[in-house]
Amino acid sequence: MVSLGLNSGLCLAGTGSAWFAGAAFTAIDANDGVAKLPGFIADFRRDRHAVTTIASVGIAAAAVDALIVTQSAAFTDMFSFTRNSAAEFIDAAGVAQQAASDLPRFDYRNGYRQLLLEGPATNLFLNAFAPASQTITVVNGTEYTVSCRGSGSLVLSGAGTGMAAQGASLTFTASSTSLMVTVSGSLSRAQVETGAVASSFVQTGAVAATRSADSCRLSPTGEALVQRNAATLQVRGQGLAGSLGRLVGAGSGDQVLRLNTAQTSVLSGTTLSLASLTVPLPAFGICLGWSAAGRSGSYNGGTIATDATVPATAGQVFLGRNQAGLFAAGRYDSLTVWPFRASNAAIQAKAVAYF
């Protein structure tokens, strides 16, 4: 066994008793028709992780059978995570908490544990955690989203009109530069931010404040697995949105998994369309496999889409963004990588939401 310096509690798949050795994780290798395990499993829902025992420098040339011998790991073994500010999340008790800088957020907003990844956001609403009516300067012609938490609402006038309440955010395009926001009822949070989707609340005081972007980069081992000439990856999540957002992204010009500009379809690269959609995405599963012959993919078990292009995965590889900062913000359930191209039937079968 090659030591990766992983946390204690290591368990090899060869024991037959490890959770990650279960048949539910296998996929059929398109090369020989044999069901095989992944080399990388990040299960955020259940807080469990496993990775190949082969060191990153040997992954490109290693045999598949060697790469699927895995060992238990921790999140920090699988990803390099950074964020240059605190950020809000909902804990298991349903209480809003602040995660410190560089700590990932495992959010329970939907009633279960998910990894929350977002781009940067600025809250223009002052004293946002003790909301009071105010006038906010906005940019004419720019899209904004207003959201709040509590038993009241935010009523807009001036540059925008309408009402936002808990669970019902409001998106508008500013028609002037002055937005009046009237607080009604009892609110604990209020936010006015650019963009078409409400993000997690940013605490403000007498001036606007910004939440920094999350960066969840795969470990060198994870990157090497994705960068193999043949591989298959599965991504599952919920509530994702972001123009040109990368669900799995690499360097400039990457062609892994992304949303299009209008956020009306999910693609691999610019040519392989996997599904038409509306954002934020409902609970979903996507599976994409490739080899020198091209790639195949499915969204939520839909018809397999195939073309002759091989995804560009060189350089840094991220979950929820790419190196350039194109974000597919939302909540992620899991990321799984097999070190071979799976059969089309297996890809379709793996393209399911987390259950």
Protein backbone atom coordinates (compact mmCIF):
# COMPACT_ATOMS: atom_id res chain seq x y z
CA MET A 1 0.00 0.00 0.00
CA VAL A 2 1.20 3.53 -0.79
CA SER A 3 0.84 5.88 2.15
CA LEU A 4 -0.87 9.18 1.43
CA GLY A 5 -0.56 10.59 4.92
CA LEU A 6 -4.31 10.34 5.41
CA ASN A 7 -6.15 10.58 8.69
CA SER A 8 -6.38 7.64 11.07
CA GLY A 9 -9.12 5.06 10.64
CA LEU A 10 -7.79 3.95 7.26
CA CYS A 11 -9.59 0.96 5.79
CA LEU A 12 -8.82 -0.76 2.51
CA ALA A 13 -11.50 -1.84 0.07
CA GLY A 14 -9.89 -5.27 -0.01
CA THR A 15 -11.26 -6.05 3.45
CA GLY A 16 -14.71 -6.33 1.91
CA SER A 17 -16.30 -4.57 4.88
CA ALA A 18 -15.67 -0.94 4.01
CA TRP A 19 -18.67 1.19 3.05
CA PHE A 20 -16.92 2.30 -0.16
CA ALA A 21 -16.50 -1.30 -1.34
CA GLY A 22 -20.25 -1.76 -1.79
CA ALA A 23 -21.76 -2.81 -5.10
CA ALA A 24 -23.81 0.42 -5.20
CA PHE A 25 -20.63 2.32 -6.06
CA THR A 26 -19.59 0.11 -9.00
CA ALA A 27 -19.88 1.07 -12.65
CA ILE A 28 -19.32 -1.06 -15.75
CA ASP A 29 -15.99 -0.38 -17.44
CA ALA A 30 -16.70 0.18 -21.15
CA ASN A 31 -13.34 -1.38 -22.01
CA ASP A 32 -13.96 -4.86 -20.61
CA GLY A 33 -17.56 -4.95 -19.34
CA VAL A 34 -16.50 -5.56 -15.72
CA ALA A 35 -18.13 -3.76 -12.78
CA LYS A 36 -15.50 -1.75 -10.88
CA LEU A 37 -15.32 0.63 -7.94
CA PRO A 38 -14.42 4.34 -8.07
CA GLY A 39 -11.06 5.81 -7.17
CA PHE A 40 -12.52 8.90 -5.48
CA ILE A 41 -15.72 9.26 -3.44
CA ALA A 42 -16.68 12.49 -1.69
CA ASP A 43 -20.06 11.91 -0.04
CA PHE A 44 -20.95 15.23 1.61
CA ARG A 45 -24.43 14.10 2.68
CA ARG A 46 -23.07 11.34 4.91
CA ASP A 47 -19.70 12.91 5.67
CA ARG A 48 -17.67 10.03 4.30
CA HIS A 49 -14.79 10.00 1.84
CA ALA A 50 -12.53 7.48 0.15
CA VAL A 51 -9.65 7.76 -2.31
CA THR A 52 -7.27 5.52 -4.24
CA THR A 53 -4.12 4.30 -2.49
CA ILE A 54 -2.01 5.21 -5.55
CA ALA A 55 -0.03 8.44 -5.13
CA SER A 56 -0.90 11.27 -7.51
CA VAL A 57 2.35 11.03 -9.48
CA GLY A 58 1.55 7.43 -10.45
CA ILE A 59 -2.11 7.82 -11.38
CA ALA A 60 -1.75 8.65 -15.09
CA ALA A 61 0.14 5.42 -15.83
CA ALA A 62 -1.47 3.14 -13.23
CA ALA A 63 -3.69 0.21 -14.14
CA VAL A 64 -7.38 0.61 -13.39
CA ASP A 65 -7.36 -2.38 -11.02
CA ALA A 66 -4.70 -0.66 -8.90
CA LEU A 67 -6.54 2.66 -8.85
CA ILE A 68 -9.76 1.19 -7.48
CA VAL A 69 -8.10 -0.06 -4.30
CA THR A 70 -9.21 2.73 -2.00
CA GLN A 71 -8.90 3.87 1.59
CA SER A 72 -11.00 6.04 3.86
CA ALA A 73 -10.08 9.72 4.01
CA ALA A 74 -11.23 13.09 5.31
CA PHE A 75 -12.60 16.09 3.43
CA THR A 76 -9.27 17.84 3.92
CA ASP A 77 -7.49 14.92 2.20
CA MET A 78 -9.78 15.23 -0.82
CA PHE A 79 -9.99 19.00 -1.31
CA SER A 80 -8.06 22.20 -0.73
CA PHE A 81 -10.71 24.65 0.48
CA THR A 82 -10.35 28.42 0.87
CA ARG A 83 -12.61 31.45 1.39
CA ASN A 84 -11.29 34.82 2.52
CA SER A 85 -14.21 35.75 4.76
CA ALA A 86 -16.76 34.35 7.16
CA ALA A 87 -19.99 33.03 5.61
CA GLU A 88 -23.40 31.96 6.84
CA PHE A 89 -24.84 28.44 6.83
CA ILE A 90 -27.72 26.57 8.51
CA ASP A 91 -26.67 23.92 11.01
CA ALA A 92 -28.36 20.58 11.75
CA ALA A 93 -30.63 22.22 14.32
CA GLY A 94 -31.87 24.75 11.73
CA VAL A 95 -29.93 27.63 13.30
CA ALA A 96 -27.99 30.18 11.25
CA GLN A 97 -24.26 30.04 11.98
CA GLN A 98 -21.15 31.81 10.69
CA ALA A 99 -18.33 29.66 9.31
CA ALA A 100 -14.91 31.22 9.79
CA SER A 101 -12.63 32.04 6.86
CA ASP A 102 -11.31 29.00 4.96
CA LEU A 103 -13.81 26.61 6.55
CA PRO A 104 -16.29 24.78 4.29
CA ARG A 105 -20.00 25.12 5.00
CA PHE A 106 -22.03 21.95 5.44
CA ASP A 107 -25.51 23.38 5.18
CA TYR A 108 -28.84 21.86 6.30
CA ARG A 109 -31.19 24.36 4.64
CA ASN A 110 -32.90 21.51 2.77
CA GLY A 111 -33.08 19.29 5.85
CA TYR A 112 -29.92 17.29 5.17
CA ARG A 113 -26.17 17.88 5.02
CA GLN A 114 -24.87 19.46 1.79
CA LEU A 115 -21.67 21.28 0.84
CA LEU A 116 -22.59 24.92 0.13
CA LEU A 117 -20.41 26.57 -2.53
CA GLU A 118 -20.96 30.15 -3.69
CA GLY A 119 -19.27 32.96 -5.55
CA PRO A 120 -18.70 36.39 -4.01
CA ALA A 121 -21.69 38.54 -3.02
CA THR A 122 -22.16 42.04 -1.61
CA ASN A 123 -25.14 42.85 0.61
CA LEU A 124 -26.25 46.44 0.05
CA PHE A 125 -28.79 46.37 2.88
CA LEU A 126 -27.27 48.07 5.93
CA ASN A 127 -27.50 46.57 9.43
CA ALA A 128 -28.85 43.49 7.70
CA PHE A 129 -29.24 41.37 10.82
CA ALA A 130 -31.44 44.02 12.49
CA PRO A 131 -33.45 45.13 9.44
CA ALA A 132 -34.96 48.64 9.29
CA SER A 133 -36.50 50.50 6.34
CA GLN A 134 -33.94 52.30 4.18
CA THR A 135 -33.10 53.71 0.75
CA ILE A 136 -30.35 51.98 -1.23
CA THR A 137 -28.40 53.35 -4.20
CA VAL A 138 -28.47 50.88 -7.09
CA VAL A 139 -27.31 50.88 -10.72
CA ASN A 140 -29.99 51.55 -13.32
CA GLY A 141 -30.42 48.56 -15.65
CA THR A 142 -28.71 46.08 -13.30
CA GLU A 143 -30.45 42.94 -12.01
CA TYR A 144 -30.86 42.57 -8.23
CA THR A 145 -32.33 39.97 -5.90
CA VAL A 146 -33.93 40.81 -2.55
CA SER A 147 -34.35 38.21 0.18
CA CYS A 148 -35.13 38.08 3.88
CA ARG A 149 -35.70 35.76 6.82
CA GLY A 150 -38.41 36.04 9.47
CA SER A 151 -42.15 36.52 9.78
CA GLY A 152 -42.30 39.80 7.88
CA SER A 153 -41.46 41.05 4.40
CA LEU A 154 -39.55 43.64 2.39
CA VAL A 155 -41.67 45.92 0.20
CA LEU A 156 -39.90 47.68 -2.68
CA SER A 157 -40.58 51.01 -4.36
CA GLY A 158 -38.58 53.36 -6.57
CA ALA A 159 -36.05 51.46 -8.71
CA GLY A 160 -37.99 48.22 -8.17
CA THR A 161 -41.42 47.12 -7.03
CA GLY A 162 -42.83 44.04 -5.38
CA MET A 163 -42.41 42.16 -2.12
CA ALA A 164 -39.91 39.64 -0.79
CA ALA A 165 -40.69 37.28 2.09
CA GLN A 166 -39.02 34.26 3.65
CA GLY A 167 -38.87 31.53 1.03
CA ALA A 168 -39.94 33.94 -1.73
CA SER A 169 -37.09 36.17 -2.89
CA LEU A 170 -37.72 38.90 -5.48
CA THR A 171 -35.58 39.57 -8.55
CA PHE A 172 -35.90 42.82 -10.52
CA THR A 173 -34.00 45.03 -12.93
CA ALA A 174 -33.44 48.53 -11.54
CA SER A 175 -35.35 51.24 -13.39
CA SER A 176 -33.57 54.10 -11.59
CA THR A 177 -30.79 54.56 -9.05
CA SER A 178 -32.81 54.82 -5.83
CA LEU A 179 -34.43 51.78 -4.24
CA MET A 180 -36.69 52.20 -1.23
CA VAL A 181 -36.99 49.08 0.94
CA THR A 182 -39.71 49.08 3.60
CA VAL A 183 -39.54 46.50 6.38
CA SER A 184 -42.86 45.00 7.42
CA GLY A 185 -43.27 42.62 10.36
CA SER A 186 -40.41 40.95 12.21
CA LEU A 187 -37.29 40.08 10.22
CA SER A 188 -33.94 38.69 11.32
CA ARG A 189 -32.13 39.02 7.99
CA ALA A 190 -32.38 41.23 4.89
CA GLN A 191 -30.32 41.24 1.73
CA VAL A 192 -30.13 43.18 -1.53
CA GLU A 193 -27.52 41.80 -3.95
CA THR A 194 -26.78 41.76 -7.66
CA GLY A 195 -27.75 38.74 -9.72
CA ALA A 196 -30.78 36.56 -10.35
CA VAL A 197 -30.59 34.18 -7.38
CA ALA A 198 -30.57 34.81 -3.63
CA SER A 199 -27.38 33.67 -1.90
CA SER A 200 -26.57 33.11 1.78
CA PHE A 201 -27.00 36.17 3.97
CA VAL A 202 -24.07 38.55 4.44
CA GLN A 203 -23.90 40.43 7.73
CA THR A 204 -23.53 44.19 7.38
CA GLY A 205 -23.19 47.19 9.68
CA ALA A 206 -23.16 50.85 8.73
CA VAL A 207 -21.73 50.01 5.30
CA ALA A 208 -22.27 47.27 2.73
CA ALA A 209 -20.25 44.07 3.19
CA THR A 210 -18.98 41.33 0.90
CA ARG A 211 -18.74 37.56 1.30
CA SER A 212 -15.69 36.14 -0.48
CA ALA A 213 -15.94 33.29 -2.97
CA ASP A 214 -15.63 29.66 -1.98
CA SER A 215 -12.81 27.74 -3.64
CA CYS A 216 -13.04 23.94 -3.46
CA ARG A 217 -10.10 22.56 -5.41
CA LEU A 218 -9.58 18.83 -5.75
CA SER A 219 -6.48 17.37 -4.14
CA PRO A 220 -3.53 16.43 -6.41
CA THR A 221 -4.86 12.85 -6.31
CA GLY A 222 -8.36 13.95 -7.31
CA GLU A 223 -7.02 16.16 -10.08
CA ALA A 224 -4.86 13.34 -11.44
CA LEU A 225 -7.87 11.01 -11.57
CA VAL A 226 -9.97 13.56 -13.47
CA GLN A 227 -7.04 14.25 -15.81
CA ARG A 228 -6.66 10.62 -16.89
CA ASN A 229 -7.17 9.82 -20.56
CA ALA A 230 -10.22 7.80 -19.57
CA ALA A 231 -12.44 8.63 -16.59
CA THR A 232 -16.04 8.97 -15.45
CA LEU A 233 -17.40 11.45 -12.93
CA GLN A 234 -20.72 11.83 -11.16
CA VAL A 235 -21.92 15.09 -9.57
CA ARG A 236 -25.07 15.35 -7.44
CA GLY A 237 -26.52 18.47 -5.87
CA GLN A 238 -29.42 20.88 -5.57
CA GLY A 239 -30.25 24.54 -6.13
CA LEU A 240 -27.37 25.34 -8.48
CA ALA A 241 -27.27 28.48 -10.61
CA GLY A 242 -24.72 30.72 -12.31
CA SER A 243 -24.23 32.00 -15.85
CA LEU A 244 -21.46 29.88 -17.43
CA GLY A 245 -21.07 28.27 -14.00
CA ARG A 246 -18.80 25.24 -13.84
CA LEU A 247 -20.09 22.31 -11.80
CA VAL A 248 -16.67 20.78 -12.37
CA GLY A 249 -14.18 23.21 -13.84
CA ALA A 250 -10.52 23.40 -14.67
CA GLY A 251 -8.31 26.05 -16.25
CA SER A 252 -9.11 28.53 -19.00
CA GLY A 253 -11.18 26.94 -21.76
CA ASP A 254 -12.08 23.89 -19.68
CA GLN A 255 -14.76 21.58 -21.05
CA VAL A 256 -15.88 19.51 -18.10
CA LEU A 257 -19.44 20.29 -16.80
CA ARG A 258 -21.10 23.70 -16.96
CA LEU A 259 -24.26 25.75 -17.32
CA ASN A 260 -24.71 27.85 -20.42
CA THR A 261 -24.83 31.66 -20.40
CA ALA A 262 -28.61 31.83 -20.12
CA GLN A 263 -28.70 28.99 -17.58
CA THR A 264 -31.14 27.07 -19.76
CA SER A 265 -29.03 23.97 -20.34
CA VAL A 266 -26.24 21.93 -18.80
CA LEU A 267 -23.37 20.94 -21.06
CA SER A 268 -19.95 19.42 -21.26
CA GLY A 269 -17.86 21.99 -23.07
CA THR A 270 -19.63 23.94 -25.80
CA THR A 271 -20.99 21.09 -27.88
CA LEU A 272 -22.38 18.31 -25.70
CA SER A 273 -25.80 19.34 -24.36
CA LEU A 274 -27.02 17.02 -21.61
CA ALA A 275 -30.38 18.64 -20.76
CA SER A 276 -32.56 21.72 -20.96
CA LEU A 277 -33.31 23.17 -17.54
CA THR A 278 -34.35 26.09 -15.40
CA VAL A 279 -32.36 27.40 -12.45
CA PRO A 280 -31.94 27.00 -9.61
CA LEU A 281 -31.61 23.30 -10.43
CA PRO A 282 -33.84 20.90 -8.52
CA ALA A 283 -32.15 17.85 -6.99
CA PHE A 284 -30.07 16.35 -9.80
CA GLY A 285 -27.48 13.80 -10.78
CA ILE A 286 -25.09 14.17 -13.72
CA CYS A 287 -22.66 11.55 -15.00
CA LEU A 288 -20.01 12.13 -17.67
CA GLY A 289 -17.48 9.64 -19.02
CA TRP A 290 -14.74 9.98 -21.60
CA SER A 291 -11.82 8.29 -23.36
CA ALA A 292 -9.72 9.04 -26.42
CA ALA A 293 -12.81 8.24 -28.53
CA GLY A 294 -14.88 11.08 -27.04
CA ARG A 295 -17.39 11.52 -24.23
CA SER A 296 -20.87 10.51 -23.13
CA GLY A 297 -23.13 12.07 -20.53
CA SER A 298 -26.58 12.00 -18.95
CA TYR A 299 -28.56 14.38 -16.73
CA ASN A 300 -31.07 12.83 -14.30
CA GLY A 301 -31.06 9.56 -16.20
CA GLY A 302 -31.97 11.16 -19.51
CA THR A 303 -31.00 9.89 -22.95
CA ILE A 304 -27.24 9.56 -23.37
CA ALA A 305 -25.60 12.40 -25.31
CA THR A 306 -22.32 11.58 -27.06
CA ASP A 307 -19.72 13.36 -29.16
CA ALA A 308 -16.09 12.90 -30.21
CA THR A 309 -14.63 15.67 -28.03
CA VAL A 310 -12.45 14.82 -25.03
CA PRO A 311 -12.93 17.19 -22.05
CA ALA A 312 -10.07 19.60 -21.33
CA THR A 313 -9.10 18.94 -17.70
CA ALA A 314 -5.52 20.23 -17.53
CA GLY A 315 -4.35 22.32 -14.61
CA GLN A 316 -6.34 22.99 -11.49
CA VAL A 317 -9.67 21.18 -11.08
CA PHE A 318 -12.47 22.55 -8.91
CA LEU A 319 -15.94 21.63 -7.71
CA GLY A 320 -18.51 24.40 -8.16
CA ARG A 321 -16.34 26.75 -10.22
CA ASN A 322 -13.29 26.91 -12.46
CA GLN A 323 -9.94 28.60 -12.00
CA ALA A 324 -11.24 31.80 -13.62
CA GLY A 325 -14.12 32.10 -11.14
CA LEU A 326 -17.17 30.98 -13.13
CA PHE A 327 -19.40 29.72 -10.32
CA ALA A 328 -22.18 27.13 -10.25
CA ALA A 329 -23.36 28.19 -6.81
CA GLY A 330 -25.53 25.95 -4.69
CA ARG A 331 -25.49 22.81 -2.57
CA TYR A 332 -23.51 19.73 -3.54
CA ASP A 333 -24.31 16.21 -2.33
CA SER A 334 -21.41 14.20 -3.72
CA LEU A 335 -18.61 13.90 -6.24
CA THR A 336 -17.46 10.46 -7.46
CA VAL A 337 -14.71 9.65 -9.97
CA TRP A 338 -14.07 6.29 -11.66
CA PRO A 339 -10.62 5.92 -13.32
CA PHE A 340 -12.07 4.51 -16.54
CA ARG A 341 -14.77 5.33 -19.07
CA ALA A 342 -17.99 3.68 -17.96
CA SER A 343 -20.42 2.15 -20.42
CA ASN A 344 -23.26 4.35 -21.65
CA ALA A 345 -25.76 2.25 -19.72
CA ALA A 346 -23.74 2.71 -16.53
CA ILE A 347 -23.42 6.47 -17.12
CA GLN A 348 -27.18 6.76 -17.53
CA ALA A 349 -27.78 4.66 -14.42
CA LYS A 350 -25.40 6.82 -12.34
CA ALA A 351 -27.01 10.10 -13.46
CA VAL A 352 -29.49 10.16 -10.58
CA ALA A 353 -30.07 12.52 -7.68
CA TYR A 354 -28.80 11.57 -4.24
CA PHE A 355 -31.09 9.19 -2.36
